[in-house]
Amino acid sequence: MDKKGKHSKEKETKLKINYKILQIGLFICVVIVMGIIIYSYITQNKEEVGEQVEEQKEEESVATVSVEESGETTNEEEAVIEETVDTNIENLINEIMIENNLNENNFFFFYYNLEEKKYYFYNENTYFTAASTIKVPVAMLYYDKINEGELSPSDTLLYNSDDYEAGDGSTTADYSVGERIPISYLLEQTVVNSDNTALNILIHNIGYRKCKEELTKYSDVELTEDFYSSNVANVSYYYDVLQYLYQNADKYSELIEYMKISSAGGYLKANLPQYEVAHKYGSYDGYVHDYGIIYGQNTYLIGVFTNGITNASDLIADIGEQVVDCVETEELEEVNELKK
């Protein structure tokens, strides 16, 4: 009985071992099979992804070639427009100068098309008496101080006896010498009504020399001592001022609105009632000027400055109209040509 029981136990033990070996073997087989399946799946996906990448590269290559051949640009890489002289405006101004006996002694001019980056300047470095055109950069100084928190529109400035100057505006009618006047009132009178007394109060509050020094921040032009000691400027300076004003329009929104309603429709505005024109004219001792932003099909910076010209305000109006008409007629012709 004992022997038989012993053999029986040994047999059962062998069977258990064999069964475990079989289980292990089956497990290994399953792992191998799963590994083969997973490897096949990954390999197949890699091939498909690779094919998709290659197809995408081919499509991008074709698109790039198409853009290069057509000369068009994508939204991510827009063509850079270089500044160029507008020969049409140059020819127009030359014709106007001949017709009106204009020359470097009595005529100064700038033009810039902000969208097309086309420009034309004439006699840009010669100084002339600035008259009331200086009122725009002076007003810009005060808007800077207000925006920076140095001043408030409700702050008041003292009206001194040496501030008085005859001219347009209502400062001298509304206030007496010795009274204090809100800066907001002075800025409006200076720009909208070209009030000389209001301008003098603003300048004298800063100090004449210091005020002129601060005005240089709106331009890269190298200015002579004459600029600092008297009211003179040149085309290059006023072009820079207008560029600065336009590029920082959000800081000077009120000033630009005042410029739009100034002069009651004269000068550059006179023959362009269909467009908004933000400008500032000036007239003193034979010098008659106007410069501003004309919001047409494109946006134009234009400045016309004259010395000793008969009916200068009419000439300025005609030049503004002819310049805009020349540019916009040319652009319309180009559009019509493309449609053919």
C-alpha atoms as a PDB file:
ATOM      1  CA  MET A   1       0.000   0.000   0.000  1.00  0.00           C
ATOM      2  CA  ASP A   2       2.749   2.419   0.830  1.00  0.00           C
ATOM      3  CA  LYS A   3       4.701   1.731  -2.427  1.00  0.00           C
ATOM      4  CA  LYS A   4       1.642   2.119  -4.568  1.00  0.00           C
ATOM      5  CA  GLY A   5       0.757   5.351  -2.822  1.00  0.00           C
ATOM      6  CA  LYS A   6       4.244   6.684  -3.367  1.00  0.00           C
ATOM      7  CA  HIS A   7       4.226   5.959  -7.166  1.00  0.00           C
ATOM      8  CA  SER A   8       0.801   7.465  -7.424  1.00  0.00           C
ATOM      9  CA  LYS A   9       1.979  10.727  -5.828  1.00  0.00           C
ATOM     10  CA  GLU A  10       5.033  10.874  -8.072  1.00  0.00           C
ATOM     11  CA  LYS A  11       2.803  10.449 -11.122  1.00  0.00           C
ATOM     12  CA  GLU A  12       0.480  13.187  -9.982  1.00  0.00           C
ATOM     13  CA  THR A  13       3.453  15.496  -9.393  1.00  0.00           C
ATOM     14  CA  LYS A  14       4.793  14.843 -12.927  1.00  0.00           C
ATOM     15  CA  LEU A  15       1.365  15.536 -14.398  1.00  0.00           C
ATOM     16  CA  LYS A  16       1.173  18.838 -12.540  1.00  0.00           C
ATOM     17  CA  ILE A  17       4.647  19.828 -13.787  1.00  0.00           C
ATOM     18  CA  ASN A  18       3.759  18.918 -17.353  1.00  0.00           C
ATOM     19  CA  TYR A  19       0.553  20.917 -17.097  1.00  0.00           C
ATOM     20  CA  LYS A  20       2.410  23.996 -15.858  1.00  0.00           C
ATOM     21  CA  ILE A  21       4.940  23.627 -18.656  1.00  0.00           C
ATOM     22  CA  LEU A  22       2.082  23.415 -21.124  1.00  0.00           C
ATOM     23  CA  GLN A  23       0.507  26.560 -19.617  1.00  0.00           C
ATOM     24  CA  ILE A  24       3.796  28.431 -19.831  1.00  0.00           C
ATOM     25  CA  GLY A  25       4.250  27.257 -23.389  1.00  0.00           C
ATOM     26  CA  LEU A  26       0.787  28.401 -24.365  1.00  0.00           C
ATOM     27  CA  PHE A  27       1.377  31.767 -22.664  1.00  0.00           C
ATOM     28  CA  ILE A  28       4.633  32.247 -24.564  1.00  0.00           C
ATOM     29  CA  CYS A  29       2.894  31.357 -27.828  1.00  0.00           C
ATOM     30  CA  VAL A  30       0.130  33.872 -27.122  1.00  0.00           C
ATOM     31  CA  VAL A  31       2.709  36.588 -26.309  1.00  0.00           C
ATOM     32  CA  ILE A  32       4.613  35.834 -29.513  1.00  0.00           C
ATOM     33  CA  VAL A  33       1.437  35.913 -31.603  1.00  0.00           C
ATOM     34  CA  MET A  34       0.329  39.209 -30.004  1.00  0.00           C
ATOM     35  CA  GLY A  35       3.784  40.651 -30.575  1.00  0.00           C
ATOM     36  CA  ILE A  36       3.630  39.695 -34.244  1.00  0.00           C
ATOM     37  CA  ILE A  37       0.171  41.280 -34.588  1.00  0.00           C
ATOM     38  CA  ILE A  38       1.243  44.507 -32.839  1.00  0.00           C
ATOM     39  CA  TYR A  39       4.465  44.738 -34.903  1.00  0.00           C
ATOM     40  CA  SER A  40       2.488  44.252 -38.119  1.00  0.00           C
ATOM     41  CA  TYR A  41      -0.002  46.968 -37.084  1.00  0.00           C
ATOM     42  CA  ILE A  42       2.748  49.472 -36.205  1.00  0.00           C
ATOM     43  CA  THR A  43       4.641  48.742 -39.412  1.00  0.00           C
ATOM     44  CA  GLN A  44       1.523  49.167 -41.516  1.00  0.00           C
ATOM     45  CA  ASN A  45       0.661  52.497 -39.797  1.00  0.00           C
ATOM     46  CA  LYS A  46       4.194  53.768 -40.304  1.00  0.00           C
ATOM     47  CA  GLU A  47       3.960  53.022 -43.986  1.00  0.00           C
ATOM     48  CA  GLU A  48       0.574  54.755 -44.251  1.00  0.00           C
ATOM     49  CA  VAL A  49       1.790  57.820 -42.282  1.00  0.00           C
ATOM     50  CA  GLY A  50       4.902  57.924 -44.424  1.00  0.00           C
ATOM     51  CA  GLU A  51       2.809  57.848 -47.575  1.00  0.00           C
ATOM     52  CA  GLN A  52       0.582  60.654 -46.212  1.00  0.00           C
ATOM     53  CA  VAL A  53       3.623  62.793 -45.321  1.00  0.00           C
ATOM     54  CA  GLU A  54       5.080  62.254 -48.765  1.00  0.00           C
ATOM     55  CA  GLU A  55       1.754  63.171 -50.387  1.00  0.00           C
ATOM     56  CA  GLN A  56       1.512  66.323 -48.222  1.00  0.00           C
ATOM     57  CA  LYS A  57       5.074  67.313 -49.138  1.00  0.00           C
ATOM     58  CA  GLU A  58       4.270  66.841 -52.814  1.00  0.00           C
ATOM     59  CA  GLU A  59       1.122  68.992 -52.473  1.00  0.00           C
ATOM     60  CA  GLU A  60       3.053  71.743 -50.630  1.00  0.00           C
ATOM     61  CA  SER A  61       5.784  71.601 -53.261  1.00  0.00           C
ATOM     62  CA  VAL A  62       3.221  71.979 -56.050  1.00  0.00           C
ATOM     63  CA  ALA A  63       1.525  74.871 -54.190  1.00  0.00           C
ATOM     64  CA  THR A  64       4.877  76.615 -53.676  1.00  0.00           C
ATOM     65  CA  VAL A  65       5.750  76.273 -57.348  1.00  0.00           C
ATOM     66  CA  SER A  66       2.316  77.616 -58.305  1.00  0.00           C
ATOM     67  CA  VAL A  67       2.752  80.666 -56.059  1.00  0.00           C
ATOM     68  CA  GLU A  68       6.235  81.330 -57.397  1.00  0.00           C
ATOM     69  CA  GLU A  69       5.067  80.990 -60.989  1.00  0.00           C
ATOM     70  CA  SER A  70       2.055  83.228 -60.494  1.00  0.00           C
ATOM     71  CA  GLY A  71       4.015  85.823 -58.500  1.00  0.00           C
ATOM     72  CA  GLU A  72       1.352  85.776 -55.749  1.00  0.00           C
ATOM     73  CA  THR A  73       2.037  85.649 -52.018  1.00  0.00           C
ATOM     74  CA  THR A  74       0.371  83.746 -49.182  1.00  0.00           C
ATOM     75  CA  ASN A  75      -1.275  85.392 -46.180  1.00  0.00           C
ATOM     76  CA  GLU A  76       1.730  84.422 -44.049  1.00  0.00           C
ATOM     77  CA  GLU A  77       4.210  86.062 -46.391  1.00  0.00           C
ATOM     78  CA  GLU A  78       2.843  89.226 -47.945  1.00  0.00           C
ATOM     79  CA  ALA A  79       4.801  91.178 -50.506  1.00  0.00           C
ATOM     80  CA  VAL A  80       6.721  94.140 -49.141  1.00  0.00           C
ATOM     81  CA  ILE A  81       5.852  97.381 -50.919  1.00  0.00           C
ATOM     82  CA  GLU A  82       8.882  99.585 -51.389  1.00  0.00           C
ATOM     83  CA  GLU A  83       8.669 103.374 -51.348  1.00  0.00           C
ATOM     84  CA  THR A  84       8.927 104.882 -54.819  1.00  0.00           C
ATOM     85  CA  VAL A  85       8.652 108.320 -56.369  1.00  0.00           C
ATOM     86  CA  ASP A  86       5.243 108.887 -57.956  1.00  0.00           C
ATOM     87  CA  THR A  87       6.250 110.124 -61.395  1.00  0.00           C
ATOM     88  CA  ASN A  88       2.660 110.985 -62.313  1.00  0.00           C
ATOM     89  CA  ILE A  89       2.428 113.382 -59.366  1.00  0.00           C
ATOM     90  CA  GLU A  90       5.879 114.742 -60.177  1.00  0.00           C
ATOM     91  CA  ASN A  91       4.760 115.499 -63.758  1.00  0.00           C
ATOM     92  CA  LEU A  92       1.502 117.026 -62.525  1.00  0.00           C
ATOM     93  CA  ILE A  93       3.259 119.345 -60.069  1.00  0.00           C
ATOM     94  CA  ASN A  94       5.741 120.400 -62.751  1.00  0.00           C
ATOM     95  CA  GLU A  95       2.831 121.350 -65.033  1.00  0.00           C
ATOM     96  CA  ILE A  96       1.096 123.276 -62.228  1.00  0.00           C
ATOM     97  CA  MET A  97       4.310 125.129 -61.429  1.00  0.00           C
ATOM     98  CA  ILE A  98       4.767 126.200 -65.044  1.00  0.00           C
ATOM     99  CA  GLU A  99       1.149 127.350 -65.341  1.00  0.00           C
ATOM    100  CA  ASN A 100       1.318 129.407 -62.115  1.00  0.00           C
ATOM    101  CA  ASN A 101       4.881 130.709 -62.231  1.00  0.00           C
ATOM    102  CA  LEU A 102       5.882 128.709 -59.165  1.00  0.00           C
ATOM    103  CA  ASN A 103       9.494 128.129 -58.199  1.00  0.00           C
ATOM    104  CA  GLU A 104      11.758 127.260 -55.284  1.00  0.00           C
ATOM    105  CA  ASN A 105      11.317 130.747 -53.840  1.00  0.00           C
ATOM    106  CA  ASN A 106       7.541 130.673 -53.556  1.00  0.00           C
ATOM    107  CA  PHE A 107       6.442 127.027 -53.572  1.00  0.00           C
ATOM    108  CA  PHE A 108       7.007 124.007 -51.311  1.00  0.00           C
ATOM    109  CA  PHE A 109       5.182 120.676 -51.575  1.00  0.00           C
ATOM    110  CA  PHE A 110       4.891 117.108 -50.296  1.00  0.00           C
ATOM    111  CA  TYR A 111       2.713 114.141 -51.202  1.00  0.00           C
ATOM    112  CA  TYR A 112       2.601 110.595 -49.824  1.00  0.00           C
ATOM    113  CA  ASN A 113       0.201 107.753 -50.623  1.00  0.00           C
ATOM    114  CA  LEU A 114       0.102 105.655 -47.450  1.00  0.00           C
ATOM    115  CA  GLU A 115      -1.206 102.469 -49.101  1.00  0.00           C
ATOM    116  CA  GLU A 116       0.893 102.541 -52.262  1.00  0.00           C
ATOM    117  CA  LYS A 117       3.925 104.096 -50.517  1.00  0.00           C
ATOM    118  CA  LYS A 118       4.411 106.480 -53.409  1.00  0.00           C
ATOM    119  CA  TYR A 119       5.671 109.989 -52.742  1.00  0.00           C
ATOM    120  CA  TYR A 120       6.833 113.243 -54.235  1.00  0.00           C
ATOM    121  CA  PHE A 121       8.561 116.172 -52.523  1.00  0.00           C
ATOM    122  CA  TYR A 122       9.484 119.561 -53.938  1.00  0.00           C
ATOM    123  CA  ASN A 123      11.787 122.055 -52.224  1.00  0.00           C
ATOM    124  CA  GLU A 124      11.591 120.037 -49.013  1.00  0.00           C
ATOM    125  CA  ASN A 125      14.574 121.488 -47.145  1.00  0.00           C
ATOM    126  CA  THR A 126      13.991 125.224 -47.639  1.00  0.00           C
ATOM    127  CA  TYR A 127      12.717 127.085 -44.569  1.00  0.00           C
ATOM    128  CA  PHE A 128       9.607 129.265 -44.721  1.00  0.00           C
ATOM    129  CA  THR A 129       7.484 131.163 -42.221  1.00  0.00           C
ATOM    130  CA  ALA A 130       5.241 128.485 -40.728  1.00  0.00           C
ATOM    131  CA  ALA A 131       2.323 130.738 -39.693  1.00  0.00           C
ATOM    132  CA  SER A 132      -0.496 128.764 -38.022  1.00  0.00           C
ATOM    133  CA  THR A 133       0.679 125.373 -39.286  1.00  0.00           C
ATOM    134  CA  ILE A 134       2.739 125.175 -36.065  1.00  0.00           C
ATOM    135  CA  LYS A 135      -0.510 124.821 -34.107  1.00  0.00           C
ATOM    136  CA  VAL A 136      -0.837 121.099 -34.872  1.00  0.00           C
ATOM    137  CA  PRO A 137       2.466 119.937 -33.337  1.00  0.00           C
ATOM    138  CA  VAL A 138       1.939 122.272 -30.345  1.00  0.00           C
ATOM    139  CA  ALA A 139      -1.473 120.679 -29.783  1.00  0.00           C
ATOM    140  CA  MET A 140       0.165 117.242 -30.105  1.00  0.00           C
ATOM    141  CA  LEU A 141       2.497 118.147 -27.235  1.00  0.00           C
ATOM    142  CA  TYR A 142      -0.474 118.833 -24.970  1.00  0.00           C
ATOM    143  CA  TYR A 143      -2.294 115.655 -25.969  1.00  0.00           C
ATOM    144  CA  ASP A 144       0.901 113.760 -25.124  1.00  0.00           C
ATOM    145  CA  LYS A 145       1.014 115.363 -21.695  1.00  0.00           C
ATOM    146  CA  ILE A 146      -2.678 114.547 -21.143  1.00  0.00           C
ATOM    147  CA  ASN A 147      -2.231 110.926 -22.266  1.00  0.00           C
ATOM    148  CA  GLU A 148       0.780 110.556 -19.964  1.00  0.00           C
ATOM    149  CA  GLY A 149      -1.185 111.895 -16.984  1.00  0.00           C
ATOM    150  CA  GLU A 150       0.964 115.005 -16.618  1.00  0.00           C
ATOM    151  CA  LEU A 151      -2.010 117.244 -17.393  1.00  0.00           C
ATOM    152  CA  SER A 152      -5.789 117.006 -17.474  1.00  0.00           C
ATOM    153  CA  PRO A 153      -8.060 118.641 -20.086  1.00  0.00           C
ATOM    154  CA  SER A 154      -9.794 120.431 -17.212  1.00  0.00           C
ATOM    155  CA  ASP A 155      -6.568 121.980 -15.917  1.00  0.00           C
ATOM    156  CA  THR A 156      -6.414 125.744 -16.442  1.00  0.00           C
ATOM    157  CA  LEU A 157      -3.697 128.063 -17.735  1.00  0.00           C
ATOM    158  CA  LEU A 158      -3.292 131.740 -16.930  1.00  0.00           C
ATOM    159  CA  TYR A 159      -4.121 134.281 -19.652  1.00  0.00           C
ATOM    160  CA  ASN A 160      -1.358 136.923 -19.507  1.00  0.00           C
ATOM    161  CA  SER A 161      -1.374 140.276 -21.278  1.00  0.00           C
ATOM    162  CA  ASP A 162       1.513 139.303 -23.590  1.00  0.00           C
ATOM    163  CA  ASP A 163      -0.508 136.287 -24.809  1.00  0.00           C
ATOM    164  CA  TYR A 164      -2.937 138.506 -26.684  1.00  0.00           C
ATOM    165  CA  GLU A 165      -2.744 138.470 -30.486  1.00  0.00           C
ATOM    166  CA  ALA A 166      -5.369 139.565 -32.978  1.00  0.00           C
ATOM    167  CA  GLY A 167      -6.959 136.928 -35.173  1.00  0.00           C
ATOM    168  CA  ASP A 168      -9.766 134.396 -35.333  1.00  0.00           C
ATOM    169  CA  GLY A 169     -11.227 132.495 -32.405  1.00  0.00           C
ATOM    170  CA  SER A 170     -13.171 133.513 -29.328  1.00  0.00           C
ATOM    171  CA  THR A 171     -10.618 133.395 -26.509  1.00  0.00           C
ATOM    172  CA  THR A 172     -10.355 137.181 -26.214  1.00  0.00           C
ATOM    173  CA  ALA A 173     -14.135 137.513 -26.276  1.00  0.00           C
ATOM    174  CA  ASP A 174     -14.825 134.796 -23.706  1.00  0.00           C
ATOM    175  CA  TYR A 175     -11.986 135.542 -21.265  1.00  0.00           C
ATOM    176  CA  SER A 176     -10.135 138.549 -19.861  1.00  0.00           C
ATOM    177  CA  VAL A 177      -6.444 138.932 -19.074  1.00  0.00           C
ATOM    178  CA  GLY A 178      -5.728 137.460 -15.636  1.00  0.00           C
ATOM    179  CA  GLU A 179      -8.329 134.709 -15.903  1.00  0.00           C
ATOM    180  CA  ARG A 180      -7.503 131.008 -16.101  1.00  0.00           C
ATOM    181  CA  ILE A 181      -8.692 129.042 -19.123  1.00  0.00           C
ATOM    182  CA  PRO A 182      -9.232 125.237 -19.404  1.00  0.00           C
ATOM    183  CA  ILE A 183      -6.711 123.445 -21.619  1.00  0.00           C
ATOM    184  CA  SER A 184      -9.565 121.683 -23.437  1.00  0.00           C
ATOM    185  CA  TYR A 185     -10.956 125.087 -24.510  1.00  0.00           C
ATOM    186  CA  LEU A 186      -7.547 126.346 -25.632  1.00  0.00           C
ATOM    187  CA  LEU A 187      -6.858 123.232 -27.742  1.00  0.00           C
ATOM    188  CA  GLU A 188     -10.207 123.453 -29.506  1.00  0.00           C
ATOM    189  CA  GLN A 189      -9.816 127.161 -30.243  1.00  0.00           C
ATOM    190  CA  THR A 190      -6.231 126.690 -31.424  1.00  0.00           C
ATOM    191  CA  VAL A 191      -7.049 124.003 -33.981  1.00  0.00           C
ATOM    192  CA  VAL A 192     -10.658 124.605 -35.038  1.00  0.00           C
ATOM    193  CA  ASN A 193     -10.601 128.417 -35.126  1.00  0.00           C
ATOM    194  CA  SER A 194      -6.829 128.981 -35.452  1.00  0.00           C
ATOM    195  CA  ASP A 195      -6.942 131.211 -32.370  1.00  0.00           C
ATOM    196  CA  ASN A 196      -3.570 132.956 -31.971  1.00  0.00           C
ATOM    197  CA  THR A 197      -4.146 134.009 -28.374  1.00  0.00           C
ATOM    198  CA  ALA A 198      -5.019 130.454 -27.361  1.00  0.00           C
ATOM    199  CA  LEU A 199      -1.820 129.206 -29.053  1.00  0.00           C
ATOM    200  CA  ASN A 200       0.294 131.808 -27.257  1.00  0.00           C
ATOM    201  CA  ILE A 201      -1.094 130.749 -23.866  1.00  0.00           C
ATOM    202  CA  LEU A 202      -0.215 127.113 -24.628  1.00  0.00           C
ATOM    203  CA  ILE A 203       3.314 127.956 -25.805  1.00  0.00           C
ATOM    204  CA  HIS A 204       4.130 130.430 -23.034  1.00  0.00           C
ATOM    205  CA  ASN A 205       3.008 127.903 -20.420  1.00  0.00           C
ATOM    206  CA  ILE A 206       5.849 125.630 -21.568  1.00  0.00           C
ATOM    207  CA  GLY A 207       8.303 128.370 -22.556  1.00  0.00           C
ATOM    208  CA  TYR A 208       9.042 129.254 -26.184  1.00  0.00           C
ATOM    209  CA  ARG A 209      12.493 127.694 -26.476  1.00  0.00           C
ATOM    210  CA  LYS A 210      11.576 124.584 -24.508  1.00  0.00           C
ATOM    211  CA  CYS A 211       8.384 124.193 -26.542  1.00  0.00           C
ATOM    212  CA  LYS A 212      10.303 124.293 -29.836  1.00  0.00           C
ATOM    213  CA  GLU A 213      12.809 121.774 -28.476  1.00  0.00           C
ATOM    214  CA  GLU A 214       9.986 119.397 -27.542  1.00  0.00           C
ATOM    215  CA  LEU A 215       8.473 119.758 -31.015  1.00  0.00           C
ATOM    216  CA  THR A 216      11.540 118.099 -32.536  1.00  0.00           C
ATOM    217  CA  LYS A 217      10.448 114.689 -31.206  1.00  0.00           C
ATOM    218  CA  TYR A 218       7.963 114.358 -34.071  1.00  0.00           C
ATOM    219  CA  SER A 219      10.656 114.458 -36.746  1.00  0.00           C
ATOM    220  CA  ASP A 220      14.065 113.037 -37.620  1.00  0.00           C
ATOM    221  CA  VAL A 221      14.936 116.148 -39.627  1.00  0.00           C
ATOM    222  CA  GLU A 222      18.063 117.979 -38.515  1.00  0.00           C
ATOM    223  CA  LEU A 223      16.773 121.463 -37.726  1.00  0.00           C
ATOM    224  CA  THR A 224      18.796 124.672 -37.654  1.00  0.00           C
ATOM    225  CA  GLU A 225      18.859 127.338 -34.951  1.00  0.00           C
ATOM    226  CA  ASP A 226      16.247 129.305 -36.915  1.00  0.00           C
ATOM    227  CA  PHE A 227      13.661 126.665 -36.040  1.00  0.00           C
ATOM    228  CA  TYR A 228      14.272 127.104 -32.300  1.00  0.00           C
ATOM    229  CA  SER A 229      14.351 130.893 -32.290  1.00  0.00           C
ATOM    230  CA  SER A 230      11.513 131.748 -34.696  1.00  0.00           C
ATOM    231  CA  ASN A 231       8.376 130.318 -36.271  1.00  0.00           C
ATOM    232  CA  VAL A 232       9.910 128.689 -39.349  1.00  0.00           C
ATOM    233  CA  ALA A 233       9.922 125.104 -40.657  1.00  0.00           C
ATOM    234  CA  ASN A 234      10.244 123.150 -43.894  1.00  0.00           C
ATOM    235  CA  VAL A 235       8.368 120.504 -45.884  1.00  0.00           C
ATOM    236  CA  SER A 236      10.419 117.629 -44.449  1.00  0.00           C
ATOM    237  CA  TYR A 237       9.497 118.595 -40.890  1.00  0.00           C
ATOM    238  CA  TYR A 238       5.776 118.907 -41.576  1.00  0.00           C
ATOM    239  CA  TYR A 239       5.703 115.645 -43.512  1.00  0.00           C
ATOM    240  CA  ASP A 240       7.206 113.886 -40.473  1.00  0.00           C
ATOM    241  CA  VAL A 241       4.683 115.563 -38.145  1.00  0.00           C
ATOM    242  CA  LEU A 242       1.778 114.375 -40.285  1.00  0.00           C
ATOM    243  CA  GLN A 243       3.201 110.837 -40.520  1.00  0.00           C
ATOM    244  CA  TYR A 244       3.558 110.744 -36.728  1.00  0.00           C
ATOM    245  CA  LEU A 245       0.025 112.034 -36.268  1.00  0.00           C
ATOM    246  CA  TYR A 246      -1.423 109.426 -38.621  1.00  0.00           C
ATOM    247  CA  GLN A 247       0.579 106.517 -37.198  1.00  0.00           C
ATOM    248  CA  ASN A 248      -0.523 107.435 -33.657  1.00  0.00           C
ATOM    249  CA  ALA A 249      -4.089 108.398 -34.537  1.00  0.00           C
ATOM    250  CA  ASP A 250      -5.491 106.670 -31.441  1.00  0.00           C
ATOM    251  CA  LYS A 251      -3.561 109.111 -29.219  1.00  0.00           C
ATOM    252  CA  TYR A 252      -4.731 112.146 -31.190  1.00  0.00           C
ATOM    253  CA  SER A 253      -8.291 111.204 -32.130  1.00  0.00           C
ATOM    254  CA  GLU A 254      -9.792 114.434 -30.768  1.00  0.00           C
ATOM    255  CA  LEU A 255      -7.140 116.540 -32.501  1.00  0.00           C
ATOM    256  CA  ILE A 256      -7.824 114.816 -35.829  1.00  0.00           C
ATOM    257  CA  GLU A 257     -11.552 115.438 -35.427  1.00  0.00           C
ATOM    258  CA  TYR A 258     -10.840 119.126 -34.756  1.00  0.00           C
ATOM    259  CA  MET A 259      -8.692 119.230 -37.917  1.00  0.00           C
ATOM    260  CA  LYS A 260     -11.577 117.751 -39.918  1.00  0.00           C
ATOM    261  CA  ILE A 261     -13.913 120.609 -38.988  1.00  0.00           C
ATOM    262  CA  SER A 262     -11.393 123.460 -39.215  1.00  0.00           C
ATOM    263  CA  SER A 263     -11.439 126.169 -41.917  1.00  0.00           C
ATOM    264  CA  ALA A 264     -15.160 125.721 -42.743  1.00  0.00           C
ATOM    265  CA  GLY A 265     -14.465 123.937 -46.029  1.00  0.00           C
ATOM    266  CA  GLY A 266     -11.611 126.050 -47.388  1.00  0.00           C
ATOM    267  CA  TYR A 267      -8.095 125.369 -48.657  1.00  0.00           C
ATOM    268  CA  LEU A 268      -7.458 121.611 -49.262  1.00  0.00           C
ATOM    269  CA  LYS A 269     -11.100 120.881 -48.410  1.00  0.00           C
ATOM    270  CA  ALA A 270     -12.617 123.332 -50.854  1.00  0.00           C
ATOM    271  CA  ASN A 271     -12.753 121.098 -53.935  1.00  0.00           C
ATOM    272  CA  LEU A 272     -12.986 117.754 -52.134  1.00  0.00           C
ATOM    273  CA  PRO A 273     -16.379 117.806 -50.385  1.00  0.00           C
ATOM    274  CA  GLN A 274     -16.814 114.061 -50.999  1.00  0.00           C
ATOM    275  CA  TYR A 275     -13.854 113.203 -48.743  1.00  0.00           C
ATOM    276  CA  GLU A 276     -12.894 113.757 -45.134  1.00  0.00           C
ATOM    277  CA  VAL A 277      -9.894 116.063 -44.828  1.00  0.00           C
ATOM    278  CA  ALA A 278      -8.066 116.565 -41.523  1.00  0.00           C
ATOM    279  CA  HIS A 279      -5.897 119.648 -42.099  1.00  0.00           C
ATOM    280  CA  LYS A 280      -4.441 122.868 -40.731  1.00  0.00           C
ATOM    281  CA  TYR A 281      -4.052 126.002 -42.775  1.00  0.00           C
ATOM    282  CA  GLY A 282      -1.866 129.010 -42.023  1.00  0.00           C
ATOM    283  CA  SER A 283      -1.627 132.545 -43.346  1.00  0.00           C
ATOM    284  CA  TYR A 284       0.800 135.282 -42.325  1.00  0.00           C
ATOM    285  CA  ASP A 285       2.589 138.108 -44.133  1.00  0.00           C
ATOM    286  CA  GLY A 286       2.137 136.627 -47.616  1.00  0.00           C
ATOM    287  CA  TYR A 287       2.805 133.036 -46.578  1.00  0.00           C
ATOM    288  CA  VAL A 288      -0.282 130.867 -47.145  1.00  0.00           C
ATOM    289  CA  HIS A 289      -0.177 127.126 -46.408  1.00  0.00           C
ATOM    290  CA  ASP A 290      -2.250 124.050 -45.797  1.00  0.00           C
ATOM    291  CA  TYR A 291      -1.329 120.461 -44.987  1.00  0.00           C
ATOM    292  CA  GLY A 292      -3.308 117.447 -43.910  1.00  0.00           C
ATOM    293  CA  ILE A 293      -4.637 113.929 -44.319  1.00  0.00           C
ATOM    294  CA  ILE A 294      -7.073 113.265 -47.165  1.00  0.00           C
ATOM    295  CA  TYR A 295      -9.165 110.116 -46.722  1.00  0.00           C
ATOM    296  CA  GLY A 296      -9.940 109.118 -50.326  1.00  0.00           C
ATOM    297  CA  GLN A 297      -9.830 105.722 -52.061  1.00  0.00           C
ATOM    298  CA  ASN A 298      -6.413 105.615 -50.442  1.00  0.00           C
ATOM    299  CA  THR A 299      -5.110 107.849 -47.667  1.00  0.00           C
ATOM    300  CA  TYR A 300      -2.926 110.770 -48.723  1.00  0.00           C
ATOM    301  CA  LEU A 301      -0.647 113.115 -46.840  1.00  0.00           C
ATOM    302  CA  ILE A 302      -0.476 116.408 -48.722  1.00  0.00           C
ATOM    303  CA  GLY A 303       1.195 119.711 -47.912  1.00  0.00           C
ATOM    304  CA  VAL A 304       1.130 122.874 -50.034  1.00  0.00           C
ATOM    305  CA  PHE A 305       3.112 125.875 -48.780  1.00  0.00           C
ATOM    306  CA  THR A 306       3.347 129.186 -50.672  1.00  0.00           C
ATOM    307  CA  ASN A 307       4.957 132.606 -50.408  1.00  0.00           C
ATOM    308  CA  GLY A 308       3.586 135.719 -52.099  1.00  0.00           C
ATOM    309  CA  ILE A 309       1.169 133.904 -54.421  1.00  0.00           C
ATOM    310  CA  THR A 310      -2.012 135.675 -55.509  1.00  0.00           C
ATOM    311  CA  ASN A 311      -5.161 133.689 -54.633  1.00  0.00           C
ATOM    312  CA  ALA A 312      -3.011 131.136 -52.818  1.00  0.00           C
ATOM    313  CA  SER A 313      -5.981 129.507 -51.063  1.00  0.00           C
ATOM    314  CA  ASP A 314      -7.587 128.766 -54.454  1.00  0.00           C
ATOM    315  CA  LEU A 315      -4.291 127.389 -55.760  1.00  0.00           C
ATOM    316  CA  ILE A 316      -4.007 125.103 -52.738  1.00  0.00           C
ATOM    317  CA  ALA A 317      -7.570 123.841 -53.313  1.00  0.00           C
ATOM    318  CA  ASP A 318      -6.855 123.176 -57.008  1.00  0.00           C
ATOM    319  CA  ILE A 319      -3.636 121.318 -56.251  1.00  0.00           C
ATOM    320  CA  GLY A 320      -5.348 119.110 -53.677  1.00  0.00           C
ATOM    321  CA  GLU A 321      -8.136 118.265 -56.110  1.00  0.00           C
ATOM    322  CA  GLN A 322      -5.810 117.585 -59.054  1.00  0.00           C
ATOM    323  CA  VAL A 323      -3.463 115.396 -57.016  1.00  0.00           C
ATOM    324  CA  VAL A 324      -6.262 113.199 -55.684  1.00  0.00           C
ATOM    325  CA  ASP A 325      -7.955 113.055 -59.100  1.00  0.00           C
ATOM    326  CA  CYS A 326      -4.667 112.078 -60.760  1.00  0.00           C
ATOM    327  CA  VAL A 327      -4.018 109.234 -58.335  1.00  0.00           C
ATOM    328  CA  GLU A 328      -7.541 107.856 -58.175  1.00  0.00           C
ATOM    329  CA  THR A 329      -8.110 108.067 -61.944  1.00  0.00           C
ATOM    330  CA  GLU A 330      -4.900 106.120 -62.471  1.00  0.00           C
ATOM    331  CA  GLU A 331      -5.969 103.460 -59.951  1.00  0.00           C
ATOM    332  CA  LEU A 332      -9.411 103.168 -61.561  1.00  0.00           C
ATOM    333  CA  GLU A 333      -7.814 102.668 -64.967  1.00  0.00           C
ATOM    334  CA  GLU A 334      -5.578  99.939 -63.551  1.00  0.00           C
ATOM    335  CA  VAL A 335      -8.603  98.134 -62.054  1.00  0.00           C
ATOM    336  CA  ASN A 336     -10.521  98.336 -65.337  1.00  0.00           C
ATOM    337  CA  GLU A 337      -7.490  97.019 -67.207  1.00  0.00           C
ATOM    338  CA  LEU A 338      -7.317  93.992 -64.895  1.00  0.00           C
ATOM    339  CA  LYS A 339     -11.014  93.253 -65.478  1.00  0.00           C
ATOM    340  CA  LYS A 340     -10.523  92.946 -69.263  1.00  0.00           C
END
